[in-house]
Amino acid sequence: MSLVEVVSEAQPVIDTLPLRPTEDDRLTSDYVLSVLRPGMERIGYVVESGKLSTQRIRRPVLFGDNGRAEVSYEIDAFHDELGVAVEVEAGRGAMGNADYRDIIRMSLLLDARYMVLMTPAMYRYGTTSTSAFTRTRDQLSAIYASERLRLPFAGALLIGY
């Protein structure tokens, strides 16, 4: 089973198309990750399970004295064998440019060979709705089309849920 299949199986629960006015508030990134966690763990991912320090996934970025991690970032999931870093975004990603931050931070992670970014296909805030997936896709396309910023990944996957 692949990560795409895990997301596909969860689609009836996390699908943002069409927006469900009575349910879309629960589709936070934490909620989406909690739905995906069992399937992701089955295929070898270590997945954030909560907000306590012991439940978060920290990956090293920069080492200092005595080989101690001086800088590390929290991410939503990581597959050690494959080197896949995963970030799941919801409203903040759609409205607050968290995808930019995720792209840069995942680029700096030790052993991250692949990047997976998950964003809502559509995100609604009040009476405004936006296609977070399309916006992030356009950003990634611009980065990869331009020669000015080279990402260190063998591949990048954008999943709209």
N, C-alpha and C. Protein backbone atom coordinates (compact mmCIF):
# COMPACT_ATOMS: atom_id res chain seq x y z
N MET A 1 0.85 -1.18 0.00
CA MET A 1 0.00 0.00 0.00
C MET A 1 0.90 1.24 0.00
N SER A 2 0.44 2.28 -0.67
CA SER A 2 1.20 3.53 -0.76
C SER A 2 0.50 4.63 0.04
N LEU A 3 1.20 5.74 0.22
CA LEU A 3 0.63 6.88 0.90
C LEU A 3 -0.59 7.41 0.14
N VAL A 4 -0.53 7.42 -1.16
CA VAL A 4 -1.66 7.89 -1.97
C VAL A 4 -2.88 7.00 -1.71
N GLU A 5 -2.66 5.70 -1.58
CA GLU A 5 -3.78 4.79 -1.29
C GLU A 5 -4.35 5.03 0.10
N VAL A 6 -3.50 5.33 1.07
CA VAL A 6 -3.97 5.65 2.42
C VAL A 6 -4.87 6.88 2.38
N VAL A 7 -4.44 7.91 1.67
CA VAL A 7 -5.25 9.13 1.55
C VAL A 7 -6.54 8.83 0.80
N SER A 8 -6.46 8.05 -0.25
CA SER A 8 -7.64 7.71 -1.03
C SER A 8 -8.68 6.96 -0.17
N GLU A 9 -8.22 6.05 0.67
CA GLU A 9 -9.14 5.33 1.56
C GLU A 9 -9.82 6.27 2.55
N ALA A 10 -9.12 7.31 2.97
CA ALA A 10 -9.66 8.27 3.95
C ALA A 10 -10.51 9.35 3.30
N GLN A 11 -10.54 9.41 1.99
CA GLN A 11 -11.21 10.50 1.28
C GLN A 11 -12.65 10.74 1.72
N PRO A 12 -13.46 9.70 1.94
CA PRO A 12 -14.84 9.99 2.36
C PRO A 12 -14.93 10.80 3.66
N VAL A 13 -13.91 10.71 4.50
CA VAL A 13 -13.92 11.40 5.79
C VAL A 13 -13.27 12.78 5.70
N ILE A 14 -12.24 12.92 4.87
CA ILE A 14 -11.47 14.17 4.85
C ILE A 14 -11.70 15.02 3.61
N ASP A 15 -12.51 14.56 2.69
CA ASP A 15 -12.73 15.26 1.42
C ASP A 15 -13.29 16.66 1.64
N THR A 16 -12.67 17.65 1.05
CA THR A 16 -13.15 19.03 1.16
C THR A 16 -13.99 19.44 -0.04
N LEU A 17 -14.22 18.54 -0.97
CA LEU A 17 -15.08 18.81 -2.13
C LEU A 17 -16.26 17.86 -2.10
N PRO A 18 -17.47 18.27 -2.07
CA PRO A 18 -17.86 19.66 -1.86
C PRO A 18 -17.70 20.03 -0.39
N LEU A 19 -17.58 21.32 -0.15
CA LEU A 19 -17.50 21.79 1.23
C LEU A 19 -18.79 21.43 1.95
N ARG A 20 -18.64 20.90 3.14
CA ARG A 20 -19.81 20.53 3.93
C ARG A 20 -19.97 21.57 5.02
N PRO A 21 -20.94 22.47 4.89
CA PRO A 21 -21.05 23.60 5.81
C PRO A 21 -21.13 23.20 7.28
N THR A 22 -21.71 22.06 7.59
CA THR A 22 -21.85 21.69 8.99
C THR A 22 -20.65 20.91 9.50
N GLU A 23 -19.77 20.48 8.60
CA GLU A 23 -18.67 19.62 9.02
C GLU A 23 -17.28 20.19 8.75
N ASP A 24 -17.12 21.18 7.88
CA ASP A 24 -15.77 21.56 7.46
C ASP A 24 -14.93 22.17 8.57
N ASP A 25 -15.55 22.65 9.65
CA ASP A 25 -14.76 23.19 10.76
C ASP A 25 -13.88 22.14 11.42
N ARG A 26 -14.29 20.89 11.37
CA ARG A 26 -13.50 19.83 12.01
C ARG A 26 -12.30 19.41 11.18
N LEU A 27 -12.23 19.86 9.94
CA LEU A 27 -11.15 19.45 9.07
C LEU A 27 -9.90 20.30 9.30
N THR A 28 -9.44 20.30 10.54
CA THR A 28 -8.16 20.91 10.86
C THR A 28 -7.06 19.98 10.41
N SER A 29 -5.86 20.46 10.33
CA SER A 29 -4.76 19.59 9.95
C SER A 29 -4.56 18.48 10.98
N ASP A 30 -4.78 18.79 12.26
CA ASP A 30 -4.67 17.75 13.30
C ASP A 30 -5.70 16.65 13.09
N TYR A 31 -6.93 17.05 12.74
CA TYR A 31 -7.98 16.06 12.51
C TYR A 31 -7.64 15.20 11.30
N VAL A 32 -7.24 15.82 10.19
CA VAL A 32 -6.89 15.07 8.98
C VAL A 32 -5.76 14.10 9.28
N LEU A 33 -4.75 14.57 9.99
CA LEU A 33 -3.62 13.70 10.33
C LEU A 33 -4.07 12.54 11.21
N SER A 34 -5.00 12.78 12.14
CA SER A 34 -5.48 11.69 13.01
C SER A 34 -6.22 10.63 12.21
N VAL A 35 -6.92 11.04 11.15
CA VAL A 35 -7.62 10.08 10.29
C VAL A 35 -6.60 9.27 9.48
N LEU A 36 -5.54 9.92 9.01
CA LEU A 36 -4.53 9.26 8.18
C LEU A 36 -3.53 8.43 8.97
N ARG A 37 -3.34 8.77 10.25
CA ARG A 37 -2.29 8.15 11.07
C ARG A 37 -2.28 6.62 11.03
N PRO A 38 -3.39 5.92 11.29
CA PRO A 38 -3.32 4.45 11.32
C PRO A 38 -2.78 3.86 10.01
N GLY A 39 -3.27 4.36 8.88
CA GLY A 39 -2.80 3.86 7.60
C GLY A 39 -1.34 4.19 7.34
N MET A 40 -0.94 5.41 7.70
CA MET A 40 0.45 5.82 7.50
C MET A 40 1.39 4.99 8.36
N GLU A 41 1.00 4.75 9.59
CA GLU A 41 1.85 3.94 10.48
C GLU A 41 1.97 2.51 9.96
N ARG A 42 0.89 1.99 9.39
CA ARG A 42 0.93 0.63 8.82
C ARG A 42 1.96 0.51 7.71
N ILE A 43 2.21 1.59 6.98
CA ILE A 43 3.17 1.52 5.86
C ILE A 43 4.54 2.11 6.22
N GLY A 44 4.79 2.31 7.51
CA GLY A 44 6.14 2.64 7.94
C GLY A 44 6.43 4.07 8.32
N TYR A 45 5.42 4.94 8.34
CA TYR A 45 5.63 6.32 8.75
C TYR A 45 5.57 6.46 10.26
N VAL A 46 6.39 7.35 10.80
CA VAL A 46 6.26 7.79 12.17
C VAL A 46 5.42 9.06 12.07
N VAL A 47 4.32 9.12 12.84
CA VAL A 47 3.34 10.19 12.67
C VAL A 47 3.07 10.89 13.99
N GLU A 48 3.02 12.22 13.95
CA GLU A 48 2.67 12.99 15.14
C GLU A 48 1.33 12.49 15.67
N SER A 49 1.27 12.29 17.00
CA SER A 49 0.04 11.76 17.57
C SER A 49 -0.64 12.74 18.52
N GLY A 50 -0.07 13.90 18.71
CA GLY A 50 -0.67 14.90 19.59
C GLY A 50 0.25 16.09 19.74
N LYS A 51 -0.11 16.98 20.66
CA LYS A 51 0.66 18.21 20.84
C LYS A 51 1.66 18.15 22.00
N LEU A 52 1.65 17.07 22.77
CA LEU A 52 2.67 16.93 23.82
C LEU A 52 4.03 16.72 23.18
N SER A 53 5.06 17.12 23.85
CA SER A 53 6.42 17.01 23.33
C SER A 53 6.75 15.57 22.91
N THR A 54 6.31 14.60 23.69
CA THR A 54 6.60 13.20 23.39
C THR A 54 5.80 12.66 22.21
N GLN A 55 4.79 13.38 21.77
CA GLN A 55 3.94 12.93 20.67
C GLN A 55 4.32 13.57 19.33
N ARG A 56 5.25 14.49 19.37
CA ARG A 56 5.64 15.21 18.16
C ARG A 56 6.82 14.54 17.49
N ILE A 57 6.98 14.82 16.21
CA ILE A 57 8.07 14.28 15.41
C ILE A 57 9.08 15.40 15.19
N ARG A 58 10.27 15.23 15.72
CA ARG A 58 11.33 16.23 15.54
C ARG A 58 12.42 15.62 14.67
N ARG A 59 12.84 16.39 13.67
CA ARG A 59 13.90 15.94 12.77
C ARG A 59 15.04 16.95 12.82
N PRO A 60 16.28 16.45 12.88
CA PRO A 60 17.43 17.35 12.95
C PRO A 60 17.69 18.09 11.65
N VAL A 61 18.24 19.30 11.82
CA VAL A 61 18.59 20.15 10.69
C VAL A 61 20.07 20.53 10.75
N LEU A 62 20.52 20.92 11.94
CA LEU A 62 21.89 21.42 12.12
C LEU A 62 22.44 20.85 13.41
N PHE A 63 23.68 20.38 13.34
CA PHE A 63 24.33 19.81 14.51
C PHE A 63 25.39 20.75 15.05
N GLY A 64 25.54 20.74 16.36
CA GLY A 64 26.51 21.60 17.03
C GLY A 64 27.54 20.77 17.77
N ASP A 65 27.98 21.28 18.91
CA ASP A 65 29.01 20.61 19.71
C ASP A 65 28.60 19.19 20.09
N ASN A 66 29.57 18.31 20.05
CA ASN A 66 29.38 16.90 20.43
C ASN A 66 28.29 16.20 19.62
N GLY A 67 28.04 16.67 18.42
CA GLY A 67 27.06 16.03 17.55
C GLY A 67 25.62 16.18 18.00
N ARG A 68 25.38 17.11 18.92
CA ARG A 68 24.02 17.33 19.42
C ARG A 68 23.24 18.19 18.42
N ALA A 69 21.99 17.81 18.17
CA ALA A 69 21.15 18.58 17.26
C ALA A 69 20.94 19.97 17.83
N GLU A 70 21.44 20.95 17.13
CA GLU A 70 21.32 22.34 17.56
C GLU A 70 20.03 22.98 17.05
N VAL A 71 19.64 22.58 15.84
CA VAL A 71 18.39 23.04 15.25
C VAL A 71 17.64 21.81 14.75
N SER A 72 16.37 21.73 15.11
CA SER A 72 15.52 20.67 14.59
C SER A 72 14.12 21.25 14.37
N TYR A 73 13.39 20.63 13.47
CA TYR A 73 12.04 21.10 13.15
C TYR A 73 11.04 19.99 13.42
N GLU A 74 9.85 20.41 13.81
CA GLU A 74 8.75 19.46 13.98
C GLU A 74 8.02 19.32 12.64
N ILE A 75 7.74 18.07 12.30
CA ILE A 75 6.97 17.80 11.09
C ILE A 75 5.84 16.83 11.46
N ASP A 76 4.93 16.65 10.52
CA ASP A 76 3.77 15.80 10.80
C ASP A 76 4.09 14.32 10.70
N ALA A 77 4.95 13.94 9.76
CA ALA A 77 5.27 12.52 9.61
C ALA A 77 6.59 12.38 8.85
N PHE A 78 7.23 11.21 9.07
CA PHE A 78 8.48 10.94 8.37
C PHE A 78 8.61 9.44 8.17
N HIS A 79 9.09 9.04 7.00
CA HIS A 79 9.37 7.64 6.70
C HIS A 79 10.89 7.51 6.63
N ASP A 80 11.49 6.90 7.65
CA ASP A 80 12.95 6.83 7.73
C ASP A 80 13.58 6.07 6.57
N GLU A 81 13.03 4.95 6.21
CA GLU A 81 13.63 4.12 5.16
C GLU A 81 13.59 4.81 3.80
N LEU A 82 12.48 5.47 3.51
CA LEU A 82 12.33 6.13 2.21
C LEU A 82 12.79 7.59 2.20
N GLY A 83 12.93 8.19 3.38
CA GLY A 83 13.32 9.60 3.45
C GLY A 83 12.21 10.54 3.02
N VAL A 84 10.97 10.21 3.39
CA VAL A 84 9.82 11.02 2.99
C VAL A 84 9.36 11.88 4.16
N ALA A 85 9.38 13.19 3.97
CA ALA A 85 8.88 14.13 4.97
C ALA A 85 7.48 14.57 4.55
N VAL A 86 6.55 14.60 5.53
CA VAL A 86 5.15 14.91 5.23
C VAL A 86 4.66 16.05 6.11
N GLU A 87 3.99 17.00 5.49
CA GLU A 87 3.29 18.07 6.20
C GLU A 87 1.85 18.12 5.72
N VAL A 88 0.93 18.22 6.68
CA VAL A 88 -0.49 18.33 6.38
C VAL A 88 -0.93 19.72 6.83
N GLU A 89 -1.53 20.46 5.91
CA GLU A 89 -2.01 21.80 6.23
C GLU A 89 -3.52 21.87 6.06
N ALA A 90 -4.11 22.85 6.70
CA ALA A 90 -5.54 23.12 6.54
C ALA A 90 -5.70 24.62 6.36
N GLY A 91 -6.38 25.29 7.26
CA GLY A 91 -6.66 26.70 7.11
C GLY A 91 -5.43 27.58 7.07
N ARG A 92 -4.48 27.33 7.97
CA ARG A 92 -3.27 28.15 8.02
C ARG A 92 -2.50 28.02 6.71
N GLY A 93 -2.48 26.81 6.17
CA GLY A 93 -1.80 26.60 4.90
C GLY A 93 -2.49 27.31 3.76
N ALA A 94 -3.82 27.33 3.83
CA ALA A 94 -4.59 27.95 2.75
C ALA A 94 -4.55 29.46 2.84
N MET A 95 -4.58 29.99 4.05
CA MET A 95 -4.71 31.44 4.22
C MET A 95 -3.42 32.13 4.68
N GLY A 96 -2.49 31.39 5.25
CA GLY A 96 -1.36 32.04 5.87
C GLY A 96 0.01 31.68 5.32
N ASN A 97 0.06 31.12 4.12
CA ASN A 97 1.34 30.81 3.48
C ASN A 97 2.20 29.81 4.25
N ALA A 98 1.57 28.92 5.02
CA ALA A 98 2.33 27.89 5.73
C ALA A 98 3.03 26.95 4.76
N ASP A 99 2.51 26.83 3.54
CA ASP A 99 3.15 25.96 2.57
C ASP A 99 4.56 26.44 2.22
N TYR A 100 4.76 27.75 2.14
CA TYR A 100 6.12 28.27 1.92
C TYR A 100 7.05 27.83 3.04
N ARG A 101 6.61 28.01 4.26
CA ARG A 101 7.41 27.63 5.41
C ARG A 101 7.70 26.13 5.37
N ASP A 102 6.69 25.32 5.07
CA ASP A 102 6.88 23.87 5.01
C ASP A 102 7.91 23.48 3.96
N ILE A 103 7.84 24.09 2.80
CA ILE A 103 8.78 23.76 1.73
C ILE A 103 10.21 24.05 2.17
N ILE A 104 10.45 25.20 2.76
CA ILE A 104 11.80 25.56 3.18
C ILE A 104 12.27 24.65 4.32
N ARG A 105 11.43 24.46 5.32
CA ARG A 105 11.82 23.62 6.46
C ARG A 105 12.09 22.18 6.04
N MET A 106 11.23 21.61 5.21
CA MET A 106 11.47 20.24 4.77
C MET A 106 12.74 20.15 3.93
N SER A 107 13.08 21.21 3.21
CA SER A 107 14.31 21.24 2.42
C SER A 107 15.56 21.13 3.29
N LEU A 108 15.45 21.57 4.53
CA LEU A 108 16.60 21.58 5.43
C LEU A 108 16.73 20.34 6.29
N LEU A 109 15.71 19.47 6.29
CA LEU A 109 15.73 18.29 7.15
C LEU A 109 16.79 17.29 6.71
N LEU A 110 17.48 16.75 7.68
CA LEU A 110 18.47 15.71 7.43
C LEU A 110 17.75 14.47 6.90
N ASP A 111 18.26 13.88 5.85
CA ASP A 111 17.75 12.64 5.27
C ASP A 111 16.40 12.75 4.58
N ALA A 112 15.88 13.94 4.35
CA ALA A 112 14.62 14.09 3.62
C ALA A 112 14.92 14.08 2.12
N ARG A 113 14.57 12.99 1.47
CA ARG A 113 14.81 12.85 0.03
C ARG A 113 13.56 13.18 -0.79
N TYR A 114 12.41 13.08 -0.15
CA TYR A 114 11.14 13.36 -0.82
C TYR A 114 10.29 14.24 0.08
N MET A 115 9.48 15.09 -0.54
CA MET A 115 8.59 15.98 0.20
C MET A 115 7.15 15.69 -0.20
N VAL A 116 6.29 15.58 0.81
CA VAL A 116 4.85 15.43 0.57
C VAL A 116 4.15 16.55 1.31
N LEU A 117 3.36 17.30 0.59
CA LEU A 117 2.56 18.37 1.17
C LEU A 117 1.10 18.06 0.89
N MET A 118 0.29 18.06 1.95
CA MET A 118 -1.14 17.82 1.79
C MET A 118 -1.89 19.08 2.16
N THR A 119 -2.78 19.51 1.27
CA THR A 119 -3.57 20.72 1.50
C THR A 119 -5.02 20.44 1.12
N PRO A 120 -5.95 21.19 1.68
CA PRO A 120 -7.35 20.99 1.26
C PRO A 120 -7.53 21.39 -0.20
N ALA A 121 -8.36 20.65 -0.89
CA ALA A 121 -8.68 21.04 -2.27
C ALA A 121 -9.35 22.40 -2.23
N MET A 122 -10.28 22.58 -1.29
CA MET A 122 -10.95 23.86 -1.09
C MET A 122 -10.99 24.14 0.41
N TYR A 123 -10.78 25.40 0.72
CA TYR A 123 -10.84 25.82 2.12
C TYR A 123 -11.79 27.01 2.22
N ARG A 124 -12.70 26.95 3.17
CA ARG A 124 -13.65 28.03 3.36
C ARG A 124 -13.41 28.70 4.70
N TYR A 125 -13.39 30.01 4.66
CA TYR A 125 -13.28 30.82 5.87
C TYR A 125 -14.38 31.86 5.80
N GLY A 126 -15.40 31.69 6.63
CA GLY A 126 -16.56 32.60 6.55
C GLY A 126 -17.23 32.44 5.21
N THR A 127 -17.35 33.53 4.47
CA THR A 127 -17.99 33.47 3.16
C THR A 127 -16.97 33.37 2.03
N THR A 128 -15.69 33.35 2.38
CA THR A 128 -14.62 33.25 1.39
C THR A 128 -14.17 31.81 1.25
N SER A 129 -13.96 31.37 0.04
CA SER A 129 -13.37 30.05 -0.17
C SER A 129 -12.20 30.20 -1.14
N THR A 130 -11.22 29.32 -0.95
CA THR A 130 -10.03 29.37 -1.79
C THR A 130 -9.56 27.95 -2.08
N SER A 131 -8.96 27.77 -3.23
CA SER A 131 -8.39 26.48 -3.58
C SER A 131 -6.95 26.43 -3.09
N ALA A 132 -6.77 25.91 -1.90
CA ALA A 132 -5.43 25.81 -1.33
C ALA A 132 -4.55 24.92 -2.19
N PHE A 133 -5.12 23.86 -2.70
CA PHE A 133 -4.36 22.94 -3.55
C PHE A 133 -3.82 23.66 -4.78
N THR A 134 -4.68 24.39 -5.47
CA THR A 134 -4.26 25.10 -6.69
C THR A 134 -3.19 26.13 -6.38
N ARG A 135 -3.36 26.86 -5.29
CA ARG A 135 -2.38 27.89 -4.93
C ARG A 135 -1.03 27.26 -4.63
N THR A 136 -1.02 26.16 -3.87
CA THR A 136 0.24 25.50 -3.54
C THR A 136 0.85 24.85 -4.78
N ARG A 137 0.01 24.28 -5.63
CA ARG A 137 0.52 23.69 -6.88
C ARG A 137 1.21 24.75 -7.74
N ASP A 138 0.59 25.93 -7.83
CA ASP A 138 1.19 27.00 -8.61
C ASP A 138 2.52 27.45 -8.02
N GLN A 139 2.60 27.49 -6.69
CA GLN A 139 3.86 27.87 -6.04
C GLN A 139 4.95 26.84 -6.33
N LEU A 140 4.62 25.56 -6.18
CA LEU A 140 5.61 24.52 -6.46
C LEU A 140 6.02 24.52 -7.93
N SER A 141 5.06 24.74 -8.81
CA SER A 141 5.38 24.80 -10.25
C SER A 141 6.35 25.94 -10.54
N ALA A 142 6.12 27.07 -9.93
CA ALA A 142 7.01 28.22 -10.14
C ALA A 142 8.41 27.93 -9.60
N ILE A 143 8.48 27.31 -8.45
CA ILE A 143 9.80 26.99 -7.87
C ILE A 143 10.55 26.03 -8.78
N TYR A 144 9.87 24.96 -9.23
CA TYR A 144 10.55 23.98 -10.07
C TYR A 144 10.84 24.50 -11.48
N ALA A 145 10.02 25.41 -11.99
CA ALA A 145 10.26 25.96 -13.33
C ALA A 145 11.40 26.97 -13.33
N SER A 146 11.55 27.66 -12.22
CA SER A 146 12.61 28.65 -12.10
C SER A 146 13.92 27.97 -11.75
N GLU A 147 14.99 28.53 -12.17
CA GLU A 147 16.30 27.97 -11.82
C GLU A 147 16.91 28.72 -10.63
N ARG A 148 16.16 29.62 -10.05
CA ARG A 148 16.70 30.46 -8.97
C ARG A 148 16.73 29.76 -7.62
N LEU A 149 15.79 28.87 -7.37
CA LEU A 149 15.71 28.16 -6.10
C LEU A 149 15.61 26.67 -6.40
N ARG A 150 16.64 25.95 -6.03
CA ARG A 150 16.66 24.50 -6.29
C ARG A 150 16.36 23.76 -4.98
N LEU A 151 15.32 22.95 -5.02
CA LEU A 151 14.97 22.15 -3.86
C LEU A 151 15.77 20.84 -3.91
N PRO A 152 16.14 20.31 -2.74
CA PRO A 152 17.04 19.16 -2.70
C PRO A 152 16.32 17.81 -2.77
N PHE A 153 15.10 17.77 -3.27
CA PHE A 153 14.33 16.54 -3.26
C PHE A 153 14.44 15.78 -4.56
N ALA A 154 14.41 14.46 -4.45
CA ALA A 154 14.33 13.61 -5.65
C ALA A 154 12.92 13.69 -6.22
N GLY A 155 11.96 14.06 -5.37
CA GLY A 155 10.59 14.20 -5.83
C GLY A 155 9.74 14.94 -4.83
N ALA A 156 8.69 15.57 -5.30
CA ALA A 156 7.76 16.27 -4.45
C ALA A 156 6.35 15.83 -4.85
N LEU A 157 5.52 15.60 -3.84
CA LEU A 157 4.14 15.18 -4.08
C LEU A 157 3.21 16.13 -3.35
N LEU A 158 2.26 16.65 -4.09
CA LEU A 158 1.23 17.52 -3.53
C LEU A 158 -0.07 16.76 -3.58
N ILE A 159 -0.72 16.61 -2.43
CA ILE A 159 -1.98 15.88 -2.35
C ILE A 159 -3.06 16.85 -1.90
N GLY A 160 -4.13 16.93 -2.66
CA GLY A 160 -5.29 17.72 -2.26
C GLY A 160 -6.33 16.80 -1.66
N TYR A 161 -6.81 17.16 -0.50
CA TYR A 161 -7.83 16.31 0.13
C TYR A 161 -9.15 17.03 0.25
